[in-house]
Amino acid sequence: MTEPDPQSAPQVPLPNLRTLLGRGCRKRCPQCGQGPLYQGWIKLHEHCPVCGLRYLPDQGDLWGALLFFDRILFIVPVIAIFFLRQFDFHTTSLLLLGGSLVFVLIYTLPHRNGMSLALDYLLRRKGGDLSDEARLK
């Protein structure tokens, strides 16, 4: 199979942030919105099978955005506990709240990772770091 020529590759228009985050949340390629991000539950493809975008040329780029999305997920229960602390919580209700928070964190990990990958794609495109060679297989 031959490699696509970078000069003949069409310039893909940059989608807006909402579209990119939606594609990431649906676990789809941020560039085309069609190719899957993962081979399984959390194992990332090297590149998009549809448009050829290399997902992570630098592996550590996702940590900042992933930590940001984690903090958003944590802030809602913390605020709820802070404002509801005057009520008498039983051990069972605290265990249910903690267990449900852990479940939500684990269940949404691929979605949050996809959104951080989409945010990384947006930053690389706007910063000019996403060259034609990085976009292609």
N, C-alpha and C. Protein backbone atom coordinates (compact mmCIF):
# COMPACT_ATOMS: atom_id res chain seq x y z
N MET A 1 0.84 -1.17 0.00
CA MET A 1 0.00 0.00 0.00
C MET A 1 0.89 1.24 0.00
N THR A 2 0.61 2.20 -0.85
CA THR A 2 1.45 3.39 -0.97
C THR A 2 1.02 4.46 0.01
N GLU A 3 1.98 5.28 0.39
CA GLU A 3 1.71 6.39 1.29
C GLU A 3 1.07 7.53 0.50
N PRO A 4 0.10 8.23 1.07
CA PRO A 4 -0.48 9.38 0.37
C PRO A 4 0.54 10.50 0.24
N ASP A 5 0.47 11.22 -0.84
CA ASP A 5 1.37 12.34 -1.08
C ASP A 5 0.92 13.55 -0.27
N PRO A 6 1.79 14.12 0.61
CA PRO A 6 1.38 15.25 1.44
C PRO A 6 0.96 16.48 0.63
N GLN A 7 1.54 16.67 -0.56
CA GLN A 7 1.17 17.83 -1.36
C GLN A 7 -0.22 17.68 -1.96
N SER A 8 -0.67 16.44 -2.21
CA SER A 8 -1.98 16.25 -2.81
C SER A 8 -3.09 16.08 -1.77
N ALA A 9 -2.73 16.10 -0.49
CA ALA A 9 -3.73 15.94 0.57
C ALA A 9 -4.59 17.20 0.66
N PRO A 10 -5.90 17.05 0.69
CA PRO A 10 -6.77 18.23 0.79
C PRO A 10 -6.66 18.85 2.18
N GLN A 11 -6.74 20.17 2.23
CA GLN A 11 -6.75 20.87 3.50
C GLN A 11 -8.13 20.72 4.13
N VAL A 12 -8.17 20.16 5.30
CA VAL A 12 -9.43 19.93 5.99
C VAL A 12 -9.76 21.18 6.80
N PRO A 13 -10.97 21.73 6.65
CA PRO A 13 -11.32 22.91 7.45
C PRO A 13 -11.39 22.53 8.93
N LEU A 14 -10.99 23.46 9.77
CA LEU A 14 -10.96 23.23 11.21
C LEU A 14 -12.37 23.37 11.79
N PRO A 15 -12.91 22.29 12.37
CA PRO A 15 -14.24 22.38 12.99
C PRO A 15 -14.18 23.26 14.24
N ASN A 16 -15.35 23.72 14.69
CA ASN A 16 -15.37 24.53 15.90
C ASN A 16 -15.17 23.64 17.13
N LEU A 17 -14.97 24.26 18.28
CA LEU A 17 -14.66 23.54 19.51
C LEU A 17 -15.79 22.60 19.91
N ARG A 18 -17.03 23.03 19.78
CA ARG A 18 -18.16 22.19 20.15
C ARG A 18 -18.21 20.91 19.32
N THR A 19 -17.98 21.04 18.03
CA THR A 19 -17.96 19.87 17.15
C THR A 19 -16.82 18.93 17.52
N LEU A 20 -15.65 19.50 17.78
CA LEU A 20 -14.50 18.67 18.14
C LEU A 20 -14.73 17.92 19.45
N LEU A 21 -15.26 18.60 20.45
CA LEU A 21 -15.52 17.94 21.73
C LEU A 21 -16.61 16.89 21.60
N GLY A 22 -17.60 17.14 20.75
CA GLY A 22 -18.64 16.13 20.50
C GLY A 22 -18.07 14.89 19.82
N ARG A 23 -17.18 15.09 18.87
CA ARG A 23 -16.53 13.95 18.22
C ARG A 23 -15.68 13.17 19.22
N GLY A 24 -14.98 13.89 20.07
CA GLY A 24 -14.17 13.23 21.08
C GLY A 24 -15.01 12.45 22.08
N CYS A 25 -16.12 13.02 22.48
CA CYS A 25 -17.02 12.35 23.42
C CYS A 25 -17.65 11.10 22.80
N ARG A 26 -17.89 11.12 21.51
CA ARG A 26 -18.43 9.95 20.80
C ARG A 26 -17.32 8.97 20.42
N LYS A 27 -16.08 9.28 20.78
CA LYS A 27 -14.90 8.45 20.52
C LYS A 27 -14.65 8.28 19.02
N ARG A 28 -14.72 9.42 18.30
CA ARG A 28 -14.48 9.45 16.87
C ARG A 28 -13.29 10.37 16.57
N CYS A 29 -12.74 10.24 15.39
CA CYS A 29 -11.60 11.04 14.95
C CYS A 29 -11.96 12.53 15.00
N PRO A 30 -11.10 13.38 15.58
CA PRO A 30 -11.43 14.81 15.63
C PRO A 30 -11.39 15.49 14.27
N GLN A 31 -10.65 14.94 13.33
CA GLN A 31 -10.53 15.58 12.02
C GLN A 31 -11.72 15.26 11.11
N CYS A 32 -12.05 13.98 10.97
CA CYS A 32 -13.12 13.61 10.05
C CYS A 32 -14.43 13.25 10.75
N GLY A 33 -14.38 12.87 12.00
CA GLY A 33 -15.57 12.51 12.75
C GLY A 33 -16.12 11.13 12.43
N GLN A 34 -15.40 10.35 11.62
CA GLN A 34 -15.90 9.04 11.21
C GLN A 34 -15.09 7.89 11.78
N GLY A 35 -13.78 8.01 11.76
CA GLY A 35 -12.93 6.92 12.21
C GLY A 35 -12.96 6.75 13.72
N PRO A 36 -12.89 5.50 14.20
CA PRO A 36 -12.89 5.26 15.65
C PRO A 36 -11.55 5.65 16.27
N LEU A 37 -11.60 6.08 17.53
CA LEU A 37 -10.37 6.41 18.25
C LEU A 37 -9.72 5.17 18.86
N TYR A 38 -10.54 4.22 19.27
CA TYR A 38 -10.03 3.10 20.07
C TYR A 38 -10.19 1.77 19.37
N GLN A 39 -9.25 0.87 19.64
CA GLN A 39 -9.33 -0.51 19.15
C GLN A 39 -10.20 -1.35 20.09
N GLY A 40 -10.18 -1.03 21.34
CA GLY A 40 -11.00 -1.72 22.35
C GLY A 40 -11.63 -0.67 23.24
N TRP A 41 -11.55 -0.91 24.55
CA TRP A 41 -12.16 0.04 25.48
C TRP A 41 -11.34 1.31 25.61
N ILE A 42 -10.01 1.20 25.72
CA ILE A 42 -9.18 2.38 25.92
C ILE A 42 -7.88 2.34 25.11
N LYS A 43 -7.66 1.30 24.30
CA LYS A 43 -6.44 1.21 23.49
C LYS A 43 -6.60 2.07 22.24
N LEU A 44 -5.81 3.11 22.15
CA LEU A 44 -5.92 4.09 21.07
C LEU A 44 -5.30 3.56 19.78
N HIS A 45 -6.00 3.78 18.66
CA HIS A 45 -5.41 3.49 17.34
C HIS A 45 -4.22 4.42 17.14
N GLU A 46 -3.30 4.01 16.30
CA GLU A 46 -2.16 4.88 15.98
C GLU A 46 -2.59 6.03 15.08
N HIS A 47 -3.51 5.75 14.17
CA HIS A 47 -4.01 6.77 13.25
C HIS A 47 -5.44 6.45 12.87
N CYS A 48 -6.11 7.42 12.29
CA CYS A 48 -7.50 7.24 11.87
C CYS A 48 -7.54 6.35 10.63
N PRO A 49 -8.36 5.29 10.64
CA PRO A 49 -8.45 4.43 9.46
C PRO A 49 -9.16 5.10 8.28
N VAL A 50 -9.88 6.20 8.51
CA VAL A 50 -10.61 6.87 7.44
C VAL A 50 -9.77 7.98 6.80
N CYS A 51 -9.28 8.94 7.62
CA CYS A 51 -8.57 10.09 7.05
C CYS A 51 -7.06 10.03 7.24
N GLY A 52 -6.57 9.13 8.10
CA GLY A 52 -5.13 8.97 8.26
C GLY A 52 -4.49 9.87 9.31
N LEU A 53 -5.24 10.62 10.08
CA LEU A 53 -4.68 11.49 11.11
C LEU A 53 -3.96 10.66 12.16
N ARG A 54 -2.69 11.01 12.42
CA ARG A 54 -1.96 10.37 13.52
C ARG A 54 -2.47 10.98 14.81
N TYR A 55 -2.98 10.14 15.71
CA TYR A 55 -3.63 10.64 16.91
C TYR A 55 -2.66 11.25 17.91
N LEU A 56 -1.61 10.55 18.25
CA LEU A 56 -0.70 11.06 19.27
C LEU A 56 0.75 11.00 18.80
N PRO A 57 1.21 12.02 18.09
CA PRO A 57 2.61 12.01 17.72
C PRO A 57 3.51 12.18 18.95
N ASP A 58 3.03 12.88 19.97
CA ASP A 58 3.75 13.04 21.23
C ASP A 58 2.83 12.52 22.34
N GLN A 59 3.22 11.42 22.97
CA GLN A 59 2.33 10.71 23.89
C GLN A 59 1.91 11.53 25.10
N GLY A 60 2.72 12.44 25.61
CA GLY A 60 2.40 13.15 26.83
C GLY A 60 1.49 14.35 26.66
N ASP A 61 1.07 14.66 25.45
CA ASP A 61 0.29 15.87 25.20
C ASP A 61 -1.11 15.85 25.82
N LEU A 62 -1.66 14.70 26.11
CA LEU A 62 -3.04 14.62 26.59
C LEU A 62 -3.18 14.87 28.09
N TRP A 63 -2.11 14.83 28.85
CA TRP A 63 -2.23 14.89 30.30
C TRP A 63 -2.88 16.18 30.79
N GLY A 64 -2.53 17.31 30.23
CA GLY A 64 -3.10 18.58 30.69
C GLY A 64 -4.59 18.65 30.48
N ALA A 65 -5.05 18.32 29.29
CA ALA A 65 -6.49 18.36 29.00
C ALA A 65 -7.24 17.28 29.77
N LEU A 66 -6.65 16.10 29.91
CA LEU A 66 -7.31 15.03 30.65
C LEU A 66 -7.48 15.41 32.12
N LEU A 67 -6.47 16.03 32.72
CA LEU A 67 -6.59 16.49 34.10
C LEU A 67 -7.65 17.58 34.23
N PHE A 68 -7.76 18.44 33.22
CA PHE A 68 -8.79 19.48 33.23
C PHE A 68 -10.19 18.86 33.23
N PHE A 69 -10.43 17.88 32.35
CA PHE A 69 -11.74 17.24 32.30
C PHE A 69 -12.01 16.43 33.56
N ASP A 70 -10.98 15.86 34.18
CA ASP A 70 -11.17 15.16 35.45
C ASP A 70 -11.62 16.11 36.54
N ARG A 71 -11.04 17.30 36.58
CA ARG A 71 -11.39 18.26 37.62
C ARG A 71 -12.83 18.75 37.46
N ILE A 72 -13.28 18.90 36.22
CA ILE A 72 -14.67 19.28 35.99
C ILE A 72 -15.60 18.21 36.54
N LEU A 73 -15.25 16.94 36.34
CA LEU A 73 -16.08 15.85 36.82
C LEU A 73 -16.08 15.78 38.34
N PHE A 74 -14.99 16.16 38.99
CA PHE A 74 -14.90 16.12 40.44
C PHE A 74 -15.58 17.30 41.12
N ILE A 75 -15.64 18.43 40.46
CA ILE A 75 -16.10 19.65 41.13
C ILE A 75 -17.59 19.59 41.49
N VAL A 76 -18.41 18.94 40.69
CA VAL A 76 -19.85 18.87 40.97
C VAL A 76 -20.14 18.13 42.27
N PRO A 77 -19.60 16.91 42.49
CA PRO A 77 -19.87 16.25 43.78
C PRO A 77 -19.27 16.99 44.97
N VAL A 78 -18.12 17.63 44.79
CA VAL A 78 -17.51 18.36 45.89
C VAL A 78 -18.39 19.55 46.29
N ILE A 79 -18.92 20.26 45.31
CA ILE A 79 -19.82 21.37 45.61
C ILE A 79 -21.10 20.86 46.27
N ALA A 80 -21.62 19.74 45.78
CA ALA A 80 -22.83 19.17 46.38
C ALA A 80 -22.59 18.78 47.83
N ILE A 81 -21.48 18.15 48.11
CA ILE A 81 -21.17 17.77 49.49
C ILE A 81 -20.97 19.00 50.36
N PHE A 82 -20.33 20.02 49.82
CA PHE A 82 -20.09 21.24 50.60
C PHE A 82 -21.41 21.91 51.00
N PHE A 83 -22.34 22.01 50.05
CA PHE A 83 -23.61 22.67 50.36
C PHE A 83 -24.59 21.78 51.11
N LEU A 84 -24.42 20.48 51.03
CA LEU A 84 -25.32 19.56 51.72
C LEU A 84 -24.73 19.03 53.03
N ARG A 85 -23.64 19.58 53.48
CA ARG A 85 -22.98 19.03 54.66
C ARG A 85 -23.79 19.26 55.94
N GLN A 86 -24.74 20.18 55.93
CA GLN A 86 -25.54 20.40 57.12
C GLN A 86 -26.50 19.24 57.37
N PHE A 87 -26.79 18.44 56.33
CA PHE A 87 -27.65 17.27 56.51
C PHE A 87 -26.83 16.12 57.09
N ASP A 88 -27.50 15.27 57.81
CA ASP A 88 -26.83 14.13 58.43
C ASP A 88 -26.72 12.99 57.41
N PHE A 89 -25.49 12.77 56.92
CA PHE A 89 -25.26 11.69 55.97
C PHE A 89 -24.95 10.42 56.73
N HIS A 90 -25.53 9.34 56.30
CA HIS A 90 -25.22 8.04 56.88
C HIS A 90 -24.05 7.44 56.11
N THR A 91 -23.43 6.47 56.69
CA THR A 91 -22.30 5.82 56.05
C THR A 91 -22.71 5.19 54.73
N THR A 92 -23.89 4.65 54.67
CA THR A 92 -24.37 4.02 53.44
C THR A 92 -24.48 5.03 52.31
N SER A 93 -25.01 6.20 52.60
CA SER A 93 -25.16 7.21 51.54
C SER A 93 -23.80 7.73 51.08
N LEU A 94 -22.84 7.85 52.00
CA LEU A 94 -21.50 8.28 51.60
C LEU A 94 -20.81 7.21 50.75
N LEU A 95 -21.02 5.95 51.11
CA LEU A 95 -20.45 4.86 50.30
C LEU A 95 -21.09 4.81 48.92
N LEU A 96 -22.39 5.02 48.84
CA LEU A 96 -23.07 5.06 47.54
C LEU A 96 -22.57 6.23 46.69
N LEU A 97 -22.42 7.38 47.31
CA LEU A 97 -21.92 8.55 46.58
C LEU A 97 -20.49 8.31 46.08
N GLY A 98 -19.63 7.78 46.95
CA GLY A 98 -18.25 7.49 46.55
C GLY A 98 -18.18 6.42 45.48
N GLY A 99 -18.98 5.37 45.64
CA GLY A 99 -18.99 4.29 44.64
C GLY A 99 -19.50 4.76 43.30
N SER A 100 -20.54 5.58 43.32
CA SER A 100 -21.06 6.09 42.05
C SER A 100 -20.07 7.04 41.39
N LEU A 101 -19.34 7.81 42.17
CA LEU A 101 -18.32 8.70 41.61
C LEU A 101 -17.19 7.89 40.97
N VAL A 102 -16.75 6.83 41.62
CA VAL A 102 -15.71 5.96 41.05
C VAL A 102 -16.22 5.31 39.77
N PHE A 103 -17.47 4.83 39.77
CA PHE A 103 -18.04 4.22 38.58
C PHE A 103 -18.08 5.21 37.42
N VAL A 104 -18.52 6.44 37.69
CA VAL A 104 -18.61 7.46 36.64
C VAL A 104 -17.22 7.79 36.11
N LEU A 105 -16.24 7.88 37.00
CA LEU A 105 -14.86 8.17 36.56
C LEU A 105 -14.32 7.08 35.65
N ILE A 106 -14.57 5.83 36.00
CA ILE A 106 -14.06 4.73 35.17
C ILE A 106 -14.84 4.63 33.87
N TYR A 107 -16.17 4.74 33.95
CA TYR A 107 -17.00 4.60 32.75
C TYR A 107 -16.73 5.70 31.72
N THR A 108 -16.49 6.93 32.18
CA THR A 108 -16.31 8.04 31.25
C THR A 108 -14.86 8.25 30.83
N LEU A 109 -13.95 7.41 31.27
CA LEU A 109 -12.54 7.59 30.92
C LEU A 109 -12.29 7.64 29.41
N PRO A 110 -12.83 6.72 28.60
CA PRO A 110 -12.60 6.83 27.15
C PRO A 110 -13.21 8.10 26.54
N HIS A 111 -14.35 8.53 27.06
CA HIS A 111 -14.99 9.74 26.54
C HIS A 111 -14.17 10.98 26.88
N ARG A 112 -13.71 11.06 28.12
CA ARG A 112 -12.88 12.19 28.53
C ARG A 112 -11.54 12.19 27.80
N ASN A 113 -10.99 10.99 27.59
CA ASN A 113 -9.74 10.89 26.83
C ASN A 113 -9.95 11.32 25.38
N GLY A 114 -11.09 10.97 24.80
CA GLY A 114 -11.41 11.39 23.43
C GLY A 114 -11.56 12.90 23.33
N MET A 115 -12.21 13.52 24.34
CA MET A 115 -12.35 14.97 24.33
C MET A 115 -11.00 15.66 24.51
N SER A 116 -10.12 15.08 25.33
CA SER A 116 -8.79 15.69 25.47
C SER A 116 -7.97 15.51 24.20
N LEU A 117 -8.18 14.41 23.48
CA LEU A 117 -7.51 14.22 22.19
C LEU A 117 -8.01 15.24 21.18
N ALA A 118 -9.31 15.53 21.19
CA ALA A 118 -9.88 16.54 20.29
C ALA A 118 -9.35 17.92 20.63
N LEU A 119 -9.21 18.23 21.91
CA LEU A 119 -8.65 19.52 22.31
C LEU A 119 -7.19 19.63 21.91
N ASP A 120 -6.45 18.53 22.03
CA ASP A 120 -5.06 18.51 21.59
C ASP A 120 -4.98 18.74 20.08
N TYR A 121 -5.89 18.13 19.32
CA TYR A 121 -5.93 18.32 17.87
C TYR A 121 -6.17 19.79 17.53
N LEU A 122 -7.12 20.42 18.25
CA LEU A 122 -7.42 21.84 18.01
C LEU A 122 -6.20 22.71 18.29
N LEU A 123 -5.52 22.45 19.38
CA LEU A 123 -4.34 23.24 19.73
C LEU A 123 -3.21 23.02 18.73
N ARG A 124 -3.03 21.78 18.28
CA ARG A 124 -1.99 21.51 17.28
C ARG A 124 -2.31 22.17 15.95
N ARG A 125 -3.58 22.17 15.53
CA ARG A 125 -3.96 22.82 14.27
C ARG A 125 -3.80 24.33 14.35
N LYS A 126 -4.25 24.94 15.45
CA LYS A 126 -4.16 26.39 15.59
C LYS A 126 -2.71 26.84 15.76
N GLY A 127 -1.90 26.00 16.40
CA GLY A 127 -0.51 26.35 16.63
C GLY A 127 0.39 26.07 15.44
N GLY A 128 -0.13 25.40 14.42
CA GLY A 128 0.67 25.09 13.25
C GLY A 128 1.59 23.89 13.44
N ASP A 129 1.42 23.16 14.54
CA ASP A 129 2.27 21.99 14.79
C ASP A 129 1.81 20.77 14.03
N LEU A 130 0.62 20.80 13.48
CA LEU A 130 0.07 19.65 12.78
C LEU A 130 0.40 19.79 11.30
N SER A 131 1.56 19.30 10.95
CA SER A 131 1.99 19.40 9.55
C SER A 131 1.25 18.36 8.72
N ASP A 132 1.40 18.43 7.41
CA ASP A 132 0.76 17.46 6.52
C ASP A 132 1.26 16.05 6.79
N GLU A 133 2.54 15.91 7.17
CA GLU A 133 3.08 14.59 7.43
C GLU A 133 2.46 14.01 8.69
N ALA A 134 2.12 14.83 9.68
CA ALA A 134 1.51 14.34 10.91
C ALA A 134 0.04 13.98 10.69
N ARG A 135 -0.61 14.63 9.71
CA ARG A 135 -2.02 14.35 9.47
C ARG A 135 -2.21 13.07 8.69
N LEU A 136 -1.19 12.61 7.99
CA LEU A 136 -1.33 11.45 7.11
C LEU A 136 -0.71 10.23 7.74
N LYS A 137 -1.16 9.07 7.25
CA LYS A 137 -0.63 7.78 7.73
C LYS A 137 0.86 7.73 7.56
